Amino acid sequence: MMGTAAAEGTACNCAGPGPSHHNRSEKNMDPQTLPAEAQAVYQKIKKEYRVAFEPLELGPVRLNLLKVTDLEPLLTGKDPLKDPSTFPFWVKLWEAAIVLAQYLAAQKFAPGTRLLELGAGLGAPGLAAAAAGCSVTLTDYEEQILDFERVSAAASKAGDVTCRMLDWKNPPPMERFDIIVGAEILFREEFFAPLLQVIRGVLKPGGVVYLAHDIRRQSLRPFLEMAEAEYAIAASKRTLRSLDEDREILLNRLTPRG
């Protein structure tokens, strides 16, 4: 099982040589090197979107994340304030996802550790865990999101990664997991109870949940208040420094009571 001391501290500064998603002198990902199955998915995506691979370096782990570079077709007519259900939050590499990915990439996992990422989007945390030795299942609610994850997993040579659909309000039967993670997944309060039900159904006894969110996320507190009846909750604050703006990310660790 993963060590937990870093998650239970009072603060962590993630500045310095930690995660980087800027191009370096190393050669960028060449799509022609993708395996045949991932190459076919990549070509299908290219017919619909302008895309590019963006490197994310997490210490010894380097991920290649496929991202949409022209967001206008996705964002036209969609307002996250008026109707969050239609807004494509998955297209952004959230700062919280970078912090969670950095944390997971640095862990020593026991052989056979199974990890589930909820609302994976671009999949950085789950892919980082796969690169660190976990057997990972990335989940989201649309097939096109899973296609991006599949290509990124192949491009990152991340290891044992499965991508599957998961509707929190109508979840399919699933195996149980040692670890469940999610970054910036608490946008709508109507999903809090279904999310807790999913976690309840797939977390192994003795398992652990890690959630990462911008500390300003107003929906975080009410979710944690709902969850604390069933889970002991620890928290650490981590600062992700950038040239534009420092972001404070809250990393929560939830373990079942009793």
Protein backbone atom coordinates (compact mmCIF):
# COMPACT_ATOMS: atom_id res chain seq x y z
CA MET A 1 0.00 0.00 0.00
CA MET A 2 1.10 3.55 -0.61
CA GLY A 3 2.94 5.49 2.05
CA THR A 4 0.81 8.27 3.48
CA ALA A 5 3.06 10.52 5.53
CA ALA A 6 3.33 13.17 2.84
CA ALA A 7 -0.42 13.44 2.53
CA GLU A 8 -0.95 14.01 6.22
CA GLY A 9 1.45 16.88 6.75
CA THR A 10 0.29 20.44 7.23
CA ALA A 11 1.84 21.85 4.08
CA CYS A 12 4.03 21.08 1.12
CA ASN A 13 5.67 23.46 -1.30
CA CYS A 14 5.67 21.96 -4.79
CA ALA A 15 7.87 24.69 -6.22
CA GLY A 16 11.24 24.15 -7.78
CA PRO A 17 12.11 21.30 -10.11
CA GLY A 18 8.89 19.35 -9.55
CA PRO A 19 6.22 19.07 -12.25
CA SER A 20 6.86 20.78 -15.56
CA HIS A 21 4.60 21.01 -18.58
CA HIS A 22 6.87 23.20 -20.66
CA ASN A 23 8.76 21.95 -23.69
CA ARG A 24 12.38 21.15 -23.02
CA SER A 25 15.25 20.24 -25.30
CA GLU A 26 14.11 16.61 -25.28
CA LYS A 27 12.34 15.46 -28.41
CA ASN A 28 8.58 15.84 -28.27
CA MET A 29 6.27 12.87 -28.67
CA ASP A 30 6.15 11.60 -32.28
CA PRO A 31 2.60 10.35 -33.00
CA GLN A 32 4.02 7.98 -35.63
CA THR A 33 5.57 5.93 -32.82
CA LEU A 34 2.17 5.08 -31.30
CA PRO A 35 1.15 1.41 -31.35
CA ALA A 36 -1.30 0.55 -34.14
CA GLU A 37 -4.44 0.52 -31.97
CA ALA A 38 -3.62 3.86 -30.32
CA GLN A 39 -2.60 5.27 -33.71
CA ALA A 40 -6.05 4.48 -35.09
CA VAL A 41 -7.72 6.23 -32.15
CA TYR A 42 -5.38 9.21 -32.55
CA GLN A 43 -6.27 9.55 -36.24
CA LYS A 44 -9.97 9.41 -35.38
CA ILE A 45 -9.52 12.20 -32.82
CA LYS A 46 -7.55 14.31 -35.33
CA LYS A 47 -10.50 14.28 -37.72
CA GLU A 48 -12.57 16.13 -35.13
CA TYR A 49 -10.12 18.26 -33.13
CA ARG A 50 -6.83 20.08 -33.42
CA VAL A 51 -4.61 18.28 -30.94
CA ALA A 52 -1.04 18.08 -29.73
CA PHE A 53 0.94 16.16 -27.15
CA GLU A 54 2.03 18.11 -24.10
CA PRO A 55 4.80 16.67 -21.93
CA LEU A 56 4.30 16.60 -18.16
CA GLU A 57 7.46 15.83 -16.24
CA LEU A 58 7.09 14.54 -12.69
CA GLY A 59 10.56 13.80 -11.42
CA PRO A 60 11.61 10.56 -13.14
CA VAL A 61 8.18 10.15 -14.76
CA ARG A 62 7.43 11.80 -18.09
CA LEU A 63 3.87 11.73 -19.39
CA ASN A 64 2.74 12.71 -22.88
CA LEU A 65 -0.81 14.03 -22.64
CA LEU A 66 -2.93 14.47 -25.75
CA LYS A 67 -4.74 17.81 -25.51
CA VAL A 68 -7.12 19.85 -27.64
CA THR A 69 -5.29 22.95 -28.90
CA ASP A 70 -8.30 24.71 -30.45
CA LEU A 71 -11.00 24.87 -27.78
CA GLU A 72 -13.49 27.05 -29.66
CA PRO A 73 -15.54 24.18 -31.17
CA LEU A 74 -15.85 22.62 -27.73
CA LEU A 75 -16.73 25.80 -25.86
CA THR A 76 -19.14 27.47 -28.27
CA GLY A 77 -22.46 28.12 -26.58
CA LYS A 78 -21.43 26.49 -23.29
CA ASP A 79 -21.39 28.42 -20.02
CA PRO A 80 -20.00 26.64 -16.94
CA LEU A 81 -21.94 28.99 -14.65
CA LYS A 82 -25.31 28.49 -16.32
CA ASP A 83 -25.04 24.76 -17.03
CA PRO A 84 -21.95 22.94 -15.70
CA SER A 85 -23.27 19.65 -17.08
CA THR A 86 -22.48 20.67 -20.66
CA PHE A 87 -19.13 22.36 -20.06
CA PRO A 88 -16.10 20.26 -21.08
CA PHE A 89 -14.05 20.52 -17.90
CA TRP A 90 -12.02 17.51 -19.04
CA VAL A 91 -10.06 19.46 -21.68
CA LYS A 92 -8.03 21.40 -19.09
CA LEU A 93 -4.97 20.08 -17.28
CA TRP A 94 -5.98 21.33 -13.84
CA GLU A 95 -3.33 22.44 -11.36
CA ALA A 96 -4.85 20.04 -8.83
CA ALA A 97 -4.31 17.17 -11.29
CA ILE A 98 -0.64 18.12 -11.63
CA VAL A 99 -0.17 18.17 -7.84
CA LEU A 100 -1.93 14.83 -7.41
CA ALA A 101 0.06 13.32 -10.29
CA GLN A 102 3.30 14.52 -8.74
CA TYR A 103 2.33 12.98 -5.41
CA LEU A 104 1.41 9.62 -6.95
CA ALA A 105 4.51 9.48 -9.16
CA ALA A 106 6.68 9.70 -6.05
CA GLN A 107 5.02 6.80 -4.18
CA LYS A 108 6.25 3.25 -3.67
CA PHE A 109 3.31 0.97 -4.44
CA ALA A 110 3.03 -2.62 -3.31
CA PRO A 111 2.94 -5.09 -6.22
CA GLY A 112 -0.61 -5.58 -7.49
CA THR A 113 -1.96 -2.29 -6.12
CA ARG A 114 -5.15 -1.38 -7.99
CA LEU A 115 -6.04 2.30 -8.44
CA LEU A 116 -9.20 3.92 -9.81
CA GLU A 117 -9.28 7.50 -11.07
CA LEU A 118 -12.71 9.13 -11.06
CA GLY A 119 -13.52 11.90 -13.54
CA ALA A 120 -10.09 11.34 -14.99
CA GLY A 121 -10.27 13.83 -17.87
CA LEU A 122 -6.77 13.96 -19.34
CA GLY A 123 -5.76 11.26 -16.87
CA ALA A 124 -2.52 12.71 -15.47
CA PRO A 125 -2.85 11.37 -11.88
CA GLY A 126 -3.84 7.88 -12.98
CA LEU A 127 -1.12 7.69 -15.64
CA ALA A 128 1.45 8.85 -13.07
CA ALA A 129 0.31 6.06 -10.73
CA ALA A 130 0.56 3.53 -13.57
CA ALA A 131 4.09 4.67 -14.32
CA ALA A 132 4.85 4.14 -10.62
CA GLY A 133 3.64 0.54 -10.78
CA CYS A 134 -0.11 0.55 -10.13
CA SER A 135 -2.72 -1.30 -12.12
CA VAL A 136 -4.91 1.67 -13.08
CA THR A 137 -8.46 2.15 -14.31
CA LEU A 138 -9.24 5.61 -15.72
CA THR A 139 -12.93 6.51 -15.82
CA ASP A 140 -15.07 9.28 -17.24
CA TYR A 141 -18.54 9.78 -18.68
CA GLU A 142 -17.93 10.14 -22.45
CA GLU A 143 -16.27 7.82 -24.93
CA GLN A 144 -14.32 10.66 -26.56
CA ILE A 145 -12.67 11.45 -23.22
CA LEU A 146 -11.63 7.82 -22.90
CA ASP A 147 -10.13 7.99 -26.40
CA PHE A 148 -7.86 10.84 -25.32
CA GLU A 149 -6.88 8.83 -22.24
CA ARG A 150 -6.12 5.74 -24.32
CA VAL A 151 -3.80 7.66 -26.63
CA SER A 152 -2.06 9.42 -23.73
CA ALA A 153 -1.55 6.10 -21.94
CA ALA A 154 0.08 4.62 -25.04
CA ALA A 155 2.16 7.75 -25.69
CA SER A 156 3.35 7.78 -22.07
CA LYS A 157 4.11 4.03 -22.02
CA ALA A 158 2.53 4.18 -18.60
CA GLY A 159 2.03 0.48 -17.97
CA ASP A 160 -1.16 -1.31 -16.94
CA VAL A 161 -3.99 1.13 -17.81
CA THR A 162 -7.64 0.42 -18.59
CA CYS A 163 -10.15 3.10 -19.64
CA ARG A 164 -13.87 2.65 -19.06
CA MET A 165 -17.11 4.58 -18.87
CA LEU A 166 -18.49 5.39 -15.44
CA ASP A 167 -21.75 7.22 -14.78
CA TRP A 168 -21.78 7.98 -11.06
CA LYS A 169 -25.58 7.95 -11.01
CA ASN A 170 -25.77 4.57 -12.76
CA PRO A 171 -22.48 2.78 -12.09
CA PRO A 172 -21.82 -0.63 -13.64
CA PRO A 173 -20.59 -3.57 -11.54
CA MET A 174 -16.90 -3.03 -10.89
CA GLU A 175 -14.05 -4.75 -9.10
CA ARG A 176 -12.71 -3.21 -5.90
CA PHE A 177 -9.67 -0.97 -5.66
CA ASP A 178 -6.97 -0.29 -3.08
CA ILE A 179 -6.84 3.41 -3.94
CA ILE A 180 -9.33 5.84 -5.45
CA VAL A 181 -8.21 9.26 -6.68
CA GLY A 182 -9.82 12.33 -8.22
CA ALA A 183 -8.72 15.87 -9.09
CA GLU A 184 -11.23 18.73 -9.52
CA ILE A 185 -14.24 16.44 -9.62
CA LEU A 186 -16.52 18.32 -7.19
CA PHE A 187 -18.30 20.78 -9.48
CA ARG A 188 -21.94 19.92 -8.78
CA GLU A 189 -23.48 19.14 -5.40
CA GLU A 190 -26.10 16.87 -6.94
CA PHE A 191 -23.30 14.38 -7.61
CA PHE A 192 -21.95 14.27 -4.05
CA ALA A 193 -24.21 11.46 -2.84
CA PRO A 194 -23.74 9.36 -6.01
CA LEU A 195 -19.97 9.88 -5.77
CA LEU A 196 -19.92 8.66 -2.18
CA GLN A 197 -22.01 5.68 -3.21
CA VAL A 198 -19.52 4.80 -5.96
CA ILE A 199 -16.62 5.07 -3.52
CA ARG A 200 -18.50 2.96 -0.99
CA GLY A 201 -19.07 0.28 -3.60
CA VAL A 202 -15.58 -0.07 -5.06
CA LEU A 203 -13.09 0.80 -2.30
CA LYS A 204 -11.49 -2.25 -0.72
CA PRO A 205 -11.59 -2.61 3.07
CA GLY A 206 -8.56 -0.73 4.33
CA GLY A 207 -8.41 1.28 1.12
CA VAL A 208 -7.74 5.00 0.80
CA VAL A 209 -9.13 7.91 -1.25
CA TYR A 210 -7.08 10.90 -2.40
CA LEU A 211 -8.82 14.03 -3.67
CA ALA A 212 -7.10 17.19 -4.93
CA HIS A 213 -8.84 20.52 -5.48
CA ASP A 214 -8.05 24.20 -5.72
CA ILE A 215 -8.36 25.48 -2.17
CA ARG A 216 -10.86 28.07 -3.44
CA ARG A 217 -13.27 25.40 -4.69
CA GLN A 218 -16.43 26.28 -2.77
CA SER A 219 -18.00 22.86 -3.21
CA LEU A 220 -15.14 21.10 -1.44
CA ARG A 221 -16.20 21.89 2.13
CA PRO A 222 -19.82 20.68 1.82
CA PHE A 223 -18.63 17.45 0.21
CA LEU A 224 -16.11 16.78 2.97
CA GLU A 225 -18.76 17.56 5.59
CA MET A 226 -21.00 14.95 3.96
CA ALA A 227 -18.16 12.44 3.74
CA GLU A 228 -16.85 12.76 7.28
CA ALA A 229 -19.67 10.62 8.66
CA GLU A 230 -18.06 7.64 6.92
CA TYR A 231 -14.42 8.67 6.52
CA ALA A 232 -11.59 10.01 8.60
CA ILE A 233 -10.23 12.96 6.63
CA ALA A 234 -6.69 14.33 6.62
CA ALA A 235 -5.52 17.31 4.57
CA SER A 236 -2.37 19.00 3.37
CA LYS A 237 -1.98 22.24 1.47
CA ARG A 238 0.39 22.28 -1.48
CA THR A 239 1.55 25.26 -3.51
CA LEU A 240 2.06 24.85 -7.23
CA ARG A 241 4.25 27.69 -8.42
CA SER A 242 4.19 29.00 -11.98
CA LEU A 243 5.21 32.12 -13.86
CA ASP A 244 1.58 33.22 -14.07
CA GLU A 245 0.11 32.59 -10.63
CA ASP A 246 0.78 30.42 -7.61
CA ARG A 247 -2.06 27.98 -6.89
CA GLU A 248 -2.83 26.49 -3.51
CA ILE A 249 -4.13 22.94 -3.80
CA LEU A 250 -5.75 20.98 -0.98
CA LEU A 251 -4.91 17.28 -0.99
CA ASN A 252 -7.38 15.27 1.10
CA ARG A 253 -6.91 11.71 2.27
CA LEU A 254 -10.09 9.79 3.19
CA THR A 255 -9.99 6.47 5.03
CA PRO A 256 -13.14 4.54 6.03
CA ARG A 257 -14.08 4.75 9.71
CA GLY A 258 -14.28 1.56 11.65
